[in-house]
Amino acid sequence: MEKFSVLMSVYAREQSTYLEEALRSVFEQTVPPSEVVLVKDGPLTTELETVIASFAERYKSLKIVALAKNMGLGNALNVGLSACTYRLVARMDSDDLSLPNRFETQLKAFEKDLEVSVVGGWISEFENNPKQIISYRKVPEFDCEIKHFFYQNVL
């Protein structure tokens, strides 16, 4: 399978337990990423720094990009994207959890159809317990559906 990066950003108001679970879900994949680029968007709390240091010690594929001040998610991700080594980049928020086969499934979609340039997935939403799903955010699957959805909901 093709090598790929995962891009995440974290800032001071994030909860360290969420970041820890998010990173765990990235590194415990059936097909682990070749690298994980984590942008520290400004100074972080001691708890967040502790989580990051723990993962950096265990996983040499974790690449940290530290910004001196908070620049906002979009800017932080742009900086992080430039630090990604591979053509394929998976995006995750610091409070997201990925199913164990997420990357394997998404990589297969790229292998199956060389015309594919973007893949995503539906989102299971929960409040406190990831095993108690309260709703699903089902996004369109095909190009024409995505464009229709975008024009109906965004513009």
C-alpha atoms as a PDB file:
ATOM      1  CA  MET A   1       0.000   0.000   0.000  1.00  0.00           C
ATOM      2  CA  GLU A   2       1.061   3.557  -0.684  1.00  0.00           C
ATOM      3  CA  LYS A   3       2.773   5.544   2.041  1.00  0.00           C
ATOM      4  CA  PHE A   4       0.751   8.408   3.515  1.00  0.00           C
ATOM      5  CA  SER A   5       0.749  11.135   6.128  1.00  0.00           C
ATOM      6  CA  VAL A   6      -1.807  12.016   8.785  1.00  0.00           C
ATOM      7  CA  LEU A   7      -2.218  15.715   9.547  1.00  0.00           C
ATOM      8  CA  MET A   8      -3.526  16.961  12.895  1.00  0.00           C
ATOM      9  CA  SER A   9      -3.452  20.239  14.787  1.00  0.00           C
ATOM     10  CA  VAL A  10      -3.872  20.869  18.506  1.00  0.00           C
ATOM     11  CA  TYR A  11      -4.207  24.072  20.515  1.00  0.00           C
ATOM     12  CA  ALA A  12      -4.303  24.968  24.206  1.00  0.00           C
ATOM     13  CA  ARG A  13      -8.057  24.556  24.737  1.00  0.00           C
ATOM     14  CA  GLU A  14      -8.134  20.918  23.627  1.00  0.00           C
ATOM     15  CA  GLN A  15      -8.626  18.190  26.224  1.00  0.00           C
ATOM     16  CA  SER A  16      -5.584  15.984  26.716  1.00  0.00           C
ATOM     17  CA  THR A  17      -7.693  12.819  27.077  1.00  0.00           C
ATOM     18  CA  TYR A  18      -9.296  13.456  23.664  1.00  0.00           C
ATOM     19  CA  LEU A  19      -5.904  14.000  22.045  1.00  0.00           C
ATOM     20  CA  GLU A  20      -4.575  10.811  23.613  1.00  0.00           C
ATOM     21  CA  GLU A  21      -7.497   8.757  22.293  1.00  0.00           C
ATOM     22  CA  ALA A  22      -7.243  10.373  18.849  1.00  0.00           C
ATOM     23  CA  LEU A  23      -3.533   9.602  18.575  1.00  0.00           C
ATOM     24  CA  ARG A  24      -4.072   6.070  19.841  1.00  0.00           C
ATOM     25  CA  SER A  25      -6.708   5.511  17.136  1.00  0.00           C
ATOM     26  CA  VAL A  26      -4.206   6.705  14.509  1.00  0.00           C
ATOM     27  CA  PHE A  27      -1.296   4.550  15.612  1.00  0.00           C
ATOM     28  CA  GLU A  28      -3.393   1.396  16.183  1.00  0.00           C
ATOM     29  CA  GLN A  29      -4.626   1.145  12.593  1.00  0.00           C
ATOM     30  CA  THR A  30      -4.570  -2.061  10.535  1.00  0.00           C
ATOM     31  CA  VAL A  31      -2.451  -0.002   8.114  1.00  0.00           C
ATOM     32  CA  PRO A  32      -0.541   2.543  10.194  1.00  0.00           C
ATOM     33  CA  PRO A  33       0.475   5.875   8.671  1.00  0.00           C
ATOM     34  CA  SER A  34       4.006   6.410   7.404  1.00  0.00           C
ATOM     35  CA  GLU A  35       4.095   9.649   9.370  1.00  0.00           C
ATOM     36  CA  VAL A  36       1.854  11.724  11.592  1.00  0.00           C
ATOM     37  CA  VAL A  37       2.346  15.483  11.419  1.00  0.00           C
ATOM     38  CA  LEU A  38       1.025  17.144  14.568  1.00  0.00           C
ATOM     39  CA  VAL A  39       0.963  20.932  14.580  1.00  0.00           C
ATOM     40  CA  LYS A  40       1.119  22.549  17.997  1.00  0.00           C
ATOM     41  CA  ASP A  41      -0.866  25.716  17.289  1.00  0.00           C
ATOM     42  CA  GLY A  42       0.752  27.970  19.872  1.00  0.00           C
ATOM     43  CA  PRO A  43       1.742  27.209  23.475  1.00  0.00           C
ATOM     44  CA  LEU A  44      -0.044  24.194  24.970  1.00  0.00           C
ATOM     45  CA  THR A  45      -1.002  23.074  28.457  1.00  0.00           C
ATOM     46  CA  THR A  46       1.298  20.812  30.439  1.00  0.00           C
ATOM     47  CA  GLU A  47      -1.243  17.977  30.063  1.00  0.00           C
ATOM     48  CA  LEU A  48      -1.256  18.248  26.257  1.00  0.00           C
ATOM     49  CA  GLU A  49       2.533  18.442  26.152  1.00  0.00           C
ATOM     50  CA  THR A  50       2.737  15.306  28.304  1.00  0.00           C
ATOM     51  CA  VAL A  51       0.494  13.361  25.924  1.00  0.00           C
ATOM     52  CA  ILE A  52       2.502  14.507  22.903  1.00  0.00           C
ATOM     53  CA  ALA A  53       5.834  13.662  24.550  1.00  0.00           C
ATOM     54  CA  SER A  54       4.555  10.190  25.436  1.00  0.00           C
ATOM     55  CA  PHE A  55       3.544   9.439  21.836  1.00  0.00           C
ATOM     56  CA  ALA A  56       6.713  11.007  20.402  1.00  0.00           C
ATOM     57  CA  GLU A  57       8.753   8.695  22.601  1.00  0.00           C
ATOM     58  CA  ARG A  58       6.868   5.591  21.420  1.00  0.00           C
ATOM     59  CA  TYR A  59       6.350   6.469  17.746  1.00  0.00           C
ATOM     60  CA  LYS A  60       9.254   7.789  15.706  1.00  0.00           C
ATOM     61  CA  SER A  61       6.848   8.517  12.833  1.00  0.00           C
ATOM     62  CA  LEU A  62       5.317  11.368  14.870  1.00  0.00           C
ATOM     63  CA  LYS A  63       6.595  14.661  13.482  1.00  0.00           C
ATOM     64  CA  ILE A  64       5.913  17.729  15.642  1.00  0.00           C
ATOM     65  CA  VAL A  65       5.579  21.198  14.117  1.00  0.00           C
ATOM     66  CA  ALA A  66       5.500  23.880  16.826  1.00  0.00           C
ATOM     67  CA  LEU A  67       4.097  27.337  16.138  1.00  0.00           C
ATOM     68  CA  ALA A  68       5.185  30.142  18.467  1.00  0.00           C
ATOM     69  CA  LYS A  69       1.668  31.570  18.665  1.00  0.00           C
ATOM     70  CA  ASN A  70      -1.846  30.392  17.920  1.00  0.00           C
ATOM     71  CA  MET A  71      -2.567  30.981  14.237  1.00  0.00           C
ATOM     72  CA  GLY A  72      -5.962  29.269  13.942  1.00  0.00           C
ATOM     73  CA  LEU A  73      -6.819  25.890  12.488  1.00  0.00           C
ATOM     74  CA  GLY A  74      -6.647  26.800   8.800  1.00  0.00           C
ATOM     75  CA  ASN A  75      -3.242  28.453   9.064  1.00  0.00           C
ATOM     76  CA  ALA A  76      -1.882  25.702  11.303  1.00  0.00           C
ATOM     77  CA  LEU A  77      -3.020  23.048   8.839  1.00  0.00           C
ATOM     78  CA  ASN A  78      -1.393  24.886   5.934  1.00  0.00           C
ATOM     79  CA  VAL A  79       1.901  24.929   7.821  1.00  0.00           C
ATOM     80  CA  GLY A  80       1.453  21.255   8.695  1.00  0.00           C
ATOM     81  CA  LEU A  81       0.603  20.303   5.126  1.00  0.00           C
ATOM     82  CA  SER A  82       3.916  21.724   3.953  1.00  0.00           C
ATOM     83  CA  ALA A  83       5.637  19.442   6.498  1.00  0.00           C
ATOM     84  CA  CYS A  84       3.902  16.312   5.168  1.00  0.00           C
ATOM     85  CA  THR A  85       6.214  14.073   3.161  1.00  0.00           C
ATOM     86  CA  TYR A  86       3.722  11.993   1.202  1.00  0.00           C
ATOM     87  CA  ARG A  87       1.286  12.649  -1.634  1.00  0.00           C
ATOM     88  CA  LEU A  88      -1.660  11.226   0.301  1.00  0.00           C
ATOM     89  CA  VAL A  89      -2.640  13.051   3.478  1.00  0.00           C
ATOM     90  CA  ALA A  90      -5.363  11.915   5.881  1.00  0.00           C
ATOM     91  CA  ARG A  91      -6.912  14.659   8.035  1.00  0.00           C
ATOM     92  CA  MET A  92      -8.002  14.255  11.610  1.00  0.00           C
ATOM     93  CA  ASP A  93      -9.016  16.619  14.365  1.00  0.00           C
ATOM     94  CA  SER A  94      -7.434  16.172  17.769  1.00  0.00           C
ATOM     95  CA  ASP A  95     -10.726  14.920  19.215  1.00  0.00           C
ATOM     96  CA  ASP A  96     -11.585  12.481  16.382  1.00  0.00           C
ATOM     97  CA  LEU A  97     -11.467   8.720  16.711  1.00  0.00           C
ATOM     98  CA  SER A  98     -10.754   6.589  13.659  1.00  0.00           C
ATOM     99  CA  LEU A  99     -12.055   3.068  13.300  1.00  0.00           C
ATOM    100  CA  PRO A 100      -9.133   0.595  13.233  1.00  0.00           C
ATOM    101  CA  ASN A 101      -9.464  -0.058   9.487  1.00  0.00           C
ATOM    102  CA  ARG A 102     -10.081   3.533   8.344  1.00  0.00           C
ATOM    103  CA  PHE A 103      -6.782   4.035   6.518  1.00  0.00           C
ATOM    104  CA  GLU A 104      -6.788   0.538   5.020  1.00  0.00           C
ATOM    105  CA  THR A 105     -10.272   1.119   3.598  1.00  0.00           C
ATOM    106  CA  GLN A 106      -9.435   4.562   2.260  1.00  0.00           C
ATOM    107  CA  LEU A 107      -6.178   3.411   0.666  1.00  0.00           C
ATOM    108  CA  LYS A 108      -8.029   0.617  -1.113  1.00  0.00           C
ATOM    109  CA  ALA A 109     -10.360   3.213  -2.652  1.00  0.00           C
ATOM    110  CA  PHE A 110      -7.342   5.000  -4.140  1.00  0.00           C
ATOM    111  CA  GLU A 111      -5.926   1.709  -5.443  1.00  0.00           C
ATOM    112  CA  LYS A 112      -9.244   0.625  -6.946  1.00  0.00           C
ATOM    113  CA  ASP A 113      -9.750   3.797  -8.986  1.00  0.00           C
ATOM    114  CA  LEU A 114      -6.730   5.848  -9.992  1.00  0.00           C
ATOM    115  CA  GLU A 115      -9.016   8.781 -10.878  1.00  0.00           C
ATOM    116  CA  VAL A 116     -10.006   9.219  -7.213  1.00  0.00           C
ATOM    117  CA  SER A 117      -8.336  12.210  -5.591  1.00  0.00           C
ATOM    118  CA  VAL A 118     -10.302  12.555  -2.326  1.00  0.00           C
ATOM    119  CA  VAL A 119     -11.954  10.024  -0.021  1.00  0.00           C
ATOM    120  CA  GLY A 120     -13.858  10.532   3.195  1.00  0.00           C
ATOM    121  CA  GLY A 121     -16.287   8.700   5.375  1.00  0.00           C
ATOM    122  CA  TRP A 122     -19.440   8.930   7.379  1.00  0.00           C
ATOM    123  CA  ILE A 123     -19.151  10.193  10.920  1.00  0.00           C
ATOM    124  CA  SER A 124     -20.503   8.462  14.018  1.00  0.00           C
ATOM    125  CA  GLU A 125     -21.270  11.038  16.692  1.00  0.00           C
ATOM    126  CA  PHE A 126     -21.241  10.364  20.429  1.00  0.00           C
ATOM    127  CA  GLU A 127     -21.140  12.411  23.610  1.00  0.00           C
ATOM    128  CA  ASN A 128     -19.151  10.573  26.274  1.00  0.00           C
ATOM    129  CA  ASN A 129     -18.936   6.944  25.206  1.00  0.00           C
ATOM    130  CA  PRO A 130     -17.786   6.072  21.660  1.00  0.00           C
ATOM    131  CA  LYS A 131     -19.710   2.802  21.928  1.00  0.00           C
ATOM    132  CA  GLN A 132     -22.991   4.734  22.357  1.00  0.00           C
ATOM    133  CA  ILE A 133     -23.542   6.385  18.985  1.00  0.00           C
ATOM    134  CA  ILE A 134     -26.225   9.090  19.091  1.00  0.00           C
ATOM    135  CA  SER A 135     -26.264   9.937  15.371  1.00  0.00           C
ATOM    136  CA  TYR A 136     -24.528   9.473  12.044  1.00  0.00           C
ATOM    137  CA  ARG A 137     -23.484  12.228   9.700  1.00  0.00           C
ATOM    138  CA  LYS A 138     -23.857  10.612   6.287  1.00  0.00           C
ATOM    139  CA  VAL A 139     -22.141  12.620   3.620  1.00  0.00           C
ATOM    140  CA  PRO A 140     -22.634  12.189  -0.146  1.00  0.00           C
ATOM    141  CA  GLU A 141     -20.535   9.531  -1.828  1.00  0.00           C
ATOM    142  CA  PHE A 142     -20.171  10.480  -5.487  1.00  0.00           C
ATOM    143  CA  ASP A 143     -18.963  13.613  -7.285  1.00  0.00           C
ATOM    144  CA  CYS A 144     -22.369  14.789  -8.525  1.00  0.00           C
ATOM    145  CA  GLU A 145     -23.946  14.161  -5.094  1.00  0.00           C
ATOM    146  CA  ILE A 146     -21.128  16.033  -3.348  1.00  0.00           C
ATOM    147  CA  LYS A 147     -21.539  19.042  -5.639  1.00  0.00           C
ATOM    148  CA  HIS A 148     -25.318  19.044  -5.128  1.00  0.00           C
ATOM    149  CA  PHE A 149     -24.885  18.766  -1.340  1.00  0.00           C
ATOM    150  CA  PHE A 150     -22.303  21.558  -1.351  1.00  0.00           C
ATOM    151  CA  TYR A 151     -24.507  23.940  -3.310  1.00  0.00           C
ATOM    152  CA  GLN A 152     -27.570  23.099  -1.181  1.00  0.00           C
ATOM    153  CA  ASN A 153     -25.844  23.410   2.198  1.00  0.00           C
ATOM    154  CA  VAL A 154     -22.841  25.681   1.871  1.00  0.00           C
ATOM    155  CA  LEU A 155     -23.539  28.321  -0.721  1.00  0.00           C
END
